[in-house]
Amino acid sequence: MDDERSPIRFRLVLHRIDPEQGIRRFYSLMIERDLFGTVRLVRNWGRVWTPPGLQGFS
């Protein structure tokens, strides 16, 4: 990320789109720091154009 104040340091986003099977999904991984400075891996996934699932690990 360009902003030095951003807690997100690294981001990977993958898309799987298969119109024949009606599949439109995304998966992302982000490495970030929380308010206490702990490094966290955040996984985010879901269907394209719907609210994502979210899960974080310290």
Protein backbone atom coordinates (compact mmCIF):
# COMPACT_ATOMS: atom_id res chain seq x y z
CA MET A 1 0.00 0.00 0.00
CA ASP A 2 1.23 3.52 -0.69
CA ASP A 3 0.08 5.10 2.60
CA GLU A 4 2.69 4.53 5.33
CA ARG A 5 -0.05 4.77 8.00
CA SER A 6 -1.99 1.87 6.49
CA PRO A 7 -1.96 -1.29 8.64
CA ILE A 8 -2.02 -3.45 5.48
CA ARG A 9 1.49 -4.40 4.37
CA PHE A 10 0.95 -7.16 1.83
CA ARG A 11 -2.13 -8.24 -0.11
CA LEU A 12 -2.89 -11.12 -2.49
CA VAL A 13 -6.26 -11.36 -4.27
CA LEU A 14 -7.30 -14.30 -6.46
CA HIS A 15 -10.45 -14.61 -8.58
CA ARG A 16 -12.11 -17.75 -9.92
CA ILE A 17 -14.70 -17.05 -12.60
CA ASP A 18 -16.30 -19.85 -14.62
CA PRO A 19 -19.45 -18.65 -16.44
CA GLU A 20 -20.35 -22.16 -17.63
CA GLN A 21 -20.65 -23.40 -14.04
CA GLY A 22 -21.87 -20.10 -12.60
CA ILE A 23 -18.82 -19.73 -10.37
CA ARG A 24 -17.67 -16.21 -9.42
CA ARG A 25 -15.48 -16.32 -6.33
CA PHE A 26 -12.60 -14.40 -4.80
CA TYR A 27 -10.00 -15.25 -2.17
CA SER A 28 -7.61 -12.78 -0.53
CA LEU A 29 -4.81 -12.84 2.04
CA MET A 30 -3.57 -9.72 3.82
CA ILE A 31 -0.70 -9.31 6.26
CA GLU A 32 -1.38 -6.38 8.56
CA ARG A 33 -0.71 -4.97 12.02
CA ASP A 34 -3.50 -4.50 14.55
CA LEU A 35 -3.80 -1.55 16.96
CA PHE A 36 -1.32 -3.19 19.35
CA GLY A 37 1.31 -3.84 16.67
CA THR A 38 0.68 -7.58 16.42
CA VAL A 39 1.14 -9.00 12.92
CA ARG A 40 -2.03 -10.69 11.66
CA LEU A 41 -2.91 -12.82 8.65
CA VAL A 42 -6.43 -11.97 7.47
CA ARG A 43 -8.23 -14.33 5.09
CA ASN A 44 -11.16 -13.00 3.12
CA TRP A 45 -13.31 -14.95 0.68
CA GLY A 46 -16.71 -15.01 -0.91
CA ARG A 47 -18.71 -14.72 -4.06
CA VAL A 48 -18.08 -11.77 -6.32
CA TRP A 49 -20.67 -9.04 -5.60
CA THR A 50 -21.81 -10.50 -2.25
CA PRO A 51 -20.64 -9.77 1.33
CA PRO A 52 -17.44 -11.72 2.07
CA GLY A 53 -16.58 -14.16 4.81
CA LEU A 54 -13.84 -12.85 7.08
CA GLN A 55 -11.48 -14.57 9.49
CA GLY A 56 -8.34 -13.28 11.18
CA PHE A 57 -5.42 -15.02 12.89
CA SER A 58 -2.68 -13.58 15.09
